[in-house]
């Protein structure tokens, strides 16, 4: 996600009346933390799941 891609998110979540740069930065931080968490969970599952989930 690029910085410019966040501007519509800022407006959508009603941050438009405040400093856009600060809110875009907060959204980017949240996005980074979320994707990092998902990556760690994915890595953990791939290391600890022995059998595929085919049913």
PDB file of N, CA and C in Angstrom:
ATOM      1  N   UNK A   1       0.847  -1.168   0.000  1.00  0.00           N
ATOM      2  CA  UNK A   1       0.000   0.000   0.000  1.00  0.00           C
ATOM      3  C   UNK A   1       0.894   1.232   0.000  1.00  0.00           C
ATOM      4  N   UNK A   2       0.627   2.110  -0.928  1.00  0.00           N
ATOM      5  CA  UNK A   2       1.407   3.341  -1.020  1.00  0.00           C
ATOM      6  C   UNK A   2       0.736   4.454  -0.221  1.00  0.00           C
ATOM      7  N   UNK A   3       1.520   5.470   0.087  1.00  0.00           N
ATOM      8  CA  UNK A   3       1.029   6.613   0.845  1.00  0.00           C
ATOM      9  C   UNK A   3      -0.178   7.239   0.152  1.00  0.00           C
ATOM     10  N   UNK A   4      -0.123   7.387  -1.164  1.00  0.00           N
ATOM     11  CA  UNK A   4      -1.228   7.999  -1.908  1.00  0.00           C
ATOM     12  C   UNK A   4      -2.492   7.150  -1.861  1.00  0.00           C
ATOM     13  N   UNK A   5      -2.343   5.857  -1.725  1.00  0.00           N
ATOM     14  CA  UNK A   5      -3.506   4.974  -1.654  1.00  0.00           C
ATOM     15  C   UNK A   5      -4.279   5.151  -0.356  1.00  0.00           C
ATOM     16  N   UNK A   6      -3.658   5.716   0.644  1.00  0.00           N
ATOM     17  CA  UNK A   6      -4.296   5.864   1.951  1.00  0.00           C
ATOM     18  C   UNK A   6      -5.224   7.063   2.031  1.00  0.00           C
ATOM     19  N   UNK A   7      -5.042   8.037   1.181  1.00  0.00           N
ATOM     20  CA  UNK A   7      -5.863   9.249   1.269  1.00  0.00           C
ATOM     21  C   UNK A   7      -7.359   8.951   1.195  1.00  0.00           C
ATOM     22  N   UNK A   8      -7.822   8.099   0.272  1.00  0.00           N
ATOM     23  CA  UNK A   8      -9.255   7.778   0.277  1.00  0.00           C
ATOM     24  C   UNK A   8      -9.706   7.090   1.570  1.00  0.00           C
ATOM     25  N   UNK A   9      -8.837   6.277   2.165  1.00  0.00           N
ATOM     26  CA  UNK A   9      -9.182   5.644   3.440  1.00  0.00           C
ATOM     27  C   UNK A   9      -9.341   6.677   4.538  1.00  0.00           C
ATOM     28  N   UNK A  10      -8.462   7.647   4.544  1.00  0.00           N
ATOM     29  CA  UNK A  10      -8.538   8.714   5.547  1.00  0.00           C
ATOM     30  C   UNK A  10      -9.871   9.432   5.425  1.00  0.00           C
ATOM     31  N   UNK A  11     -10.266   9.753   4.213  1.00  0.00           N
ATOM     32  CA  UNK A  11     -11.538  10.442   4.000  1.00  0.00           C
ATOM     33  C   UNK A  11     -12.712   9.537   4.361  1.00  0.00           C
ATOM     34  N   UNK A  12     -12.611   8.276   4.025  1.00  0.00           N
ATOM     35  CA  UNK A  12     -13.704   7.345   4.305  1.00  0.00           C
ATOM     36  C   UNK A  12     -13.934   7.164   5.800  1.00  0.00           C
ATOM     37  N   UNK A  13     -12.870   7.188   6.578  1.00  0.00           N
ATOM     38  CA  UNK A  13     -12.993   7.026   8.020  1.00  0.00           C
ATOM     39  C   UNK A  13     -13.114   8.359   8.751  1.00  0.00           C
ATOM     40  N   UNK A  14     -13.524   9.394   8.012  1.00  0.00           N
ATOM     41  CA  UNK A  14     -13.873  10.696   8.581  1.00  0.00           C
ATOM     42  C   UNK A  14     -12.719  11.419   9.259  1.00  0.00           C
ATOM     43  N   UNK A  15     -11.517  11.253   8.749  1.00  0.00           N
ATOM     44  CA  UNK A  15     -10.381  11.986   9.271  1.00  0.00           C
ATOM     45  C   UNK A  15     -10.086  13.220   8.426  1.00  0.00           C
ATOM     46  N   UNK A  16     -10.941  13.525   7.472  1.00  0.00           N
ATOM     47  CA  UNK A  16     -10.651  14.580   6.500  1.00  0.00           C
ATOM     48  C   UNK A  16     -10.518  15.958   7.144  1.00  0.00           C
ATOM     49  N   UNK A  17     -11.211  16.190   8.252  1.00  0.00           N
ATOM     50  CA  UNK A  17     -11.168  17.525   8.844  1.00  0.00           C
ATOM     51  C   UNK A  17      -9.876  17.785   9.621  1.00  0.00           C
ATOM     52  N   UNK A  18      -9.141  16.761   9.947  1.00  0.00           N
ATOM     53  CA  UNK A  18      -7.893  16.926  10.701  1.00  0.00           C
ATOM     54  C   UNK A  18      -6.700  16.818   9.756  1.00  0.00           C
ATOM     55  N   UNK A  19      -5.538  16.814  10.313  1.00  0.00           N
ATOM     56  CA  UNK A  19      -4.313  16.715   9.525  1.00  0.00           C
ATOM     57  C   UNK A  19      -4.267  15.380   8.793  1.00  0.00           C
ATOM     58  N   UNK A  20      -4.326  15.432   7.484  1.00  0.00           N
ATOM     59  CA  UNK A  20      -4.351  14.203   6.687  1.00  0.00           C
ATOM     60  C   UNK A  20      -3.059  13.414   6.814  1.00  0.00           C
ATOM     61  N   UNK A  21      -1.944  14.095   6.844  1.00  0.00           N
ATOM     62  CA  UNK A  21      -0.665  13.383   6.906  1.00  0.00           C
ATOM     63  C   UNK A  21      -0.571  12.521   8.155  1.00  0.00           C
ATOM     64  N   UNK A  22      -0.985  13.067   9.280  1.00  0.00           N
ATOM     65  CA  UNK A  22      -0.925  12.313  10.532  1.00  0.00           C
ATOM     66  C   UNK A  22      -1.830  11.091  10.472  1.00  0.00           C
ATOM     67  N   UNK A  23      -3.032  11.267   9.959  1.00  0.00           N
ATOM     68  CA  UNK A  23      -3.965  10.148   9.909  1.00  0.00           C
ATOM     69  C   UNK A  23      -3.542   9.102   8.882  1.00  0.00           C
ATOM     70  N   UNK A  24      -2.983   9.540   7.772  1.00  0.00           N
ATOM     71  CA  UNK A  24      -2.468   8.583   6.792  1.00  0.00           C
ATOM     72  C   UNK A  24      -1.343   7.774   7.421  1.00  0.00           C
ATOM     73  N   UNK A  25      -0.499   8.438   8.180  1.00  0.00           N
ATOM     74  CA  UNK A  25       0.594   7.730   8.852  1.00  0.00           C
ATOM     75  C   UNK A  25       0.050   6.701   9.841  1.00  0.00           C
ATOM     76  N   UNK A  26      -0.985   7.060  10.584  1.00  0.00           N
ATOM     77  CA  UNK A  26      -1.581   6.124  11.541  1.00  0.00           C
ATOM     78  C   UNK A  26      -2.194   4.919  10.831  1.00  0.00           C
ATOM     79  N   UNK A  27      -2.850   5.168   9.690  1.00  0.00           N
ATOM     80  CA  UNK A  27      -3.419   4.062   8.928  1.00  0.00           C
ATOM     81  C   UNK A  27      -2.310   3.153   8.413  1.00  0.00           C
ATOM     82  N   UNK A  28      -1.218   3.733   7.934  1.00  0.00           N
ATOM     83  CA  UNK A  28      -0.102   2.932   7.440  1.00  0.00           C
ATOM     84  C   UNK A  28       0.519   2.106   8.566  1.00  0.00           C
ATOM     85  N   UNK A  29       0.642   2.685   9.750  1.00  0.00           N
ATOM     86  CA  UNK A  29       1.184   1.945  10.891  1.00  0.00           C
ATOM     87  C   UNK A  29       0.278   0.771  11.251  1.00  0.00           C
ATOM     88  N   UNK A  30      -1.018   1.018  11.263  1.00  0.00           N
ATOM     89  CA  UNK A  30      -1.979  -0.043  11.570  1.00  0.00           C
ATOM     90  C   UNK A  30      -1.916  -1.135  10.507  1.00  0.00           C
ATOM     91  N   UNK A  31      -1.845  -0.742   9.253  1.00  0.00           N
ATOM     92  CA  UNK A  31      -1.740  -1.700   8.152  1.00  0.00           C
ATOM     93  C   UNK A  31      -0.476  -2.542   8.302  1.00  0.00           C
ATOM     94  N   UNK A  32       0.640  -1.894   8.606  1.00  0.00           N
ATOM     95  CA  UNK A  32       1.908  -2.613   8.768  1.00  0.00           C
ATOM     96  C   UNK A  32       1.834  -3.604   9.934  1.00  0.00           C
ATOM     97  N   UNK A  33       1.292  -3.154  11.068  1.00  0.00           N
ATOM     98  CA  UNK A  33       1.174  -4.051  12.224  1.00  0.00           C
ATOM     99  C   UNK A  33       0.274  -5.243  11.908  1.00  0.00           C
ATOM    100  N   UNK A  34      -0.824  -4.977  11.222  1.00  0.00           N
ATOM    101  CA  UNK A  34      -1.758  -6.060  10.885  1.00  0.00           C
ATOM    102  C   UNK A  34      -1.126  -7.069   9.942  1.00  0.00           C
ATOM    103  N   UNK A  35      -0.451  -6.587   8.909  1.00  0.00           N
ATOM    104  CA  UNK A  35       0.175  -7.514   7.964  1.00  0.00           C
ATOM    105  C   UNK A  35       1.336  -8.262   8.612  1.00  0.00           C
ATOM    106  N   UNK A  36       2.051  -7.616   9.514  1.00  0.00           N
ATOM    107  CA  UNK A  36       3.135  -8.297  10.229  1.00  0.00           C
ATOM    108  C   UNK A  36       2.585  -9.408  11.114  1.00  0.00           C
ATOM    109  N   UNK A  37       1.492  -9.131  11.792  1.00  0.00           N
ATOM    110  CA  UNK A  37       0.861 -10.136  12.641  1.00  0.00           C
ATOM    111  C   UNK A  37       0.374 -11.314  11.807  1.00  0.00           C
ATOM    112  N   UNK A  38      -0.279 -11.025  10.696  1.00  0.00           N
ATOM    113  CA  UNK A  38      -0.750 -12.097   9.815  1.00  0.00           C
ATOM    114  C   UNK A  38       0.405 -12.926   9.271  1.00  0.00           C
ATOM    115  N   UNK A  39       1.492 -12.284   8.974  1.00  0.00           N
ATOM    116  CA  UNK A  39       2.668 -12.996   8.477  1.00  0.00           C
ATOM    117  C   UNK A  39       3.226 -13.935   9.539  1.00  0.00           C
ATOM    118  N   UNK A  40       3.310 -13.462  10.778  1.00  0.00           N
ATOM    119  CA  UNK A  40       3.812 -14.309  11.863  1.00  0.00           C
ATOM    120  C   UNK A  40       2.878 -15.493  12.121  1.00  0.00           C
ATOM    121  N   UNK A  41       1.570 -15.241  12.088  1.00  0.00           N
ATOM    122  CA  UNK A  41       0.603 -16.326  12.284  1.00  0.00           C
ATOM    123  C   UNK A  41       0.730 -17.350  11.159  1.00  0.00           C
ATOM    124  N   UNK A  42       0.835 -16.871   9.951  1.00  0.00           N
ATOM    125  CA  UNK A  42       0.983 -17.760   8.797  1.00  0.00           C
ATOM    126  C   UNK A  42       2.247 -18.605   8.916  1.00  0.00           C
ATOM    127  N   UNK A  43       3.355 -17.978   9.264  1.00  0.00           N
ATOM    128  CA  UNK A  43       4.612 -18.714   9.445  1.00  0.00           C
ATOM    129  C   UNK A  43       4.483 -19.776  10.533  1.00  0.00           C
ATOM    130  N   UNK A  44       3.857 -19.412  11.639  1.00  0.00           N
ATOM    131  CA  UNK A  44       3.665 -20.351  12.740  1.00  0.00           C
ATOM    132  C   UNK A  44       2.839 -21.548  12.282  1.00  0.00           C
ATOM    133  N   UNK A  45       1.729 -21.265  11.610  1.00  0.00           N
ATOM    134  CA  UNK A  45       0.863 -22.355  11.157  1.00  0.00           C
ATOM    135  C   UNK A  45       1.572 -23.262  10.162  1.00  0.00           C
ATOM    136  N   UNK A  46       2.324 -22.674   9.258  1.00  0.00           N
ATOM    137  CA  UNK A  46       3.042 -23.484   8.277  1.00  0.00           C
ATOM    138  C   UNK A  46       4.092 -24.377   8.933  1.00  0.00           C
ATOM    139  N   UNK A  47       4.674 -23.926  10.023  1.00  0.00           N
ATOM    140  CA  UNK A  47       5.688 -24.713  10.715  1.00  0.00           C
ATOM    141  C   UNK A  47       5.086 -25.804  11.599  1.00  0.00           C
ATOM    142  N   UNK A  48       3.852 -25.576  12.091  1.00  0.00           N
ATOM    143  CA  UNK A  48       3.295 -26.487  13.085  1.00  0.00           C
ATOM    144  C   UNK A  48       2.146 -27.357  12.589  1.00  0.00           C
ATOM    145  N   UNK A  49       1.717 -27.167  11.397  1.00  0.00           N
ATOM    146  CA  UNK A  49       0.650 -28.010  10.858  1.00  0.00           C
ATOM    147  C   UNK A  49       1.303 -29.113  10.041  1.00  0.00           C
ATOM    148  N   UNK A  50       1.044 -30.348  10.445  1.00  0.00           N
ATOM    149  CA  UNK A  50       1.697 -31.489   9.802  1.00  0.00           C
ATOM    150  C   UNK A  50       0.970 -31.963   8.550  1.00  0.00           C
ATOM    151  N   UNK A  51      -0.348 -32.058   8.623  1.00  0.00           N
ATOM    152  CA  UNK A  51      -1.109 -32.630   7.519  1.00  0.00           C
ATOM    153  C   UNK A  51      -1.925 -31.548   6.816  1.00  0.00           C
ATOM    154  N   UNK A  52      -2.147 -31.718   5.519  1.00  0.00           N
ATOM    155  CA  UNK A  52      -3.009 -30.769   4.813  1.00  0.00           C
ATOM    156  C   UNK A  52      -4.457 -30.921   5.270  1.00  0.00           C
ATOM    157  N   UNK A  53      -5.250 -29.940   5.014  1.00  0.00           N
ATOM    158  CA  UNK A  53      -6.642 -29.918   5.474  1.00  0.00           C
ATOM    159  C   UNK A  53      -7.607 -30.428   4.410  1.00  0.00           C
ATOM    160  N   UNK A  54      -7.192 -31.346   3.577  1.00  0.00           N
ATOM    161  CA  UNK A  54      -8.071 -31.904   2.552  1.00  0.00           C
ATOM    162  C   UNK A  54      -9.073 -32.844   3.204  1.00  0.00           C
ATOM    163  N   UNK A  55     -10.335 -32.588   2.919  1.00  0.00           N
ATOM    164  CA  UNK A  55     -11.381 -33.450   3.488  1.00  0.00           C
ATOM    165  C   UNK A  55     -12.262 -33.964   2.393  1.00  0.00           C
TER     166      UNK A  55
END
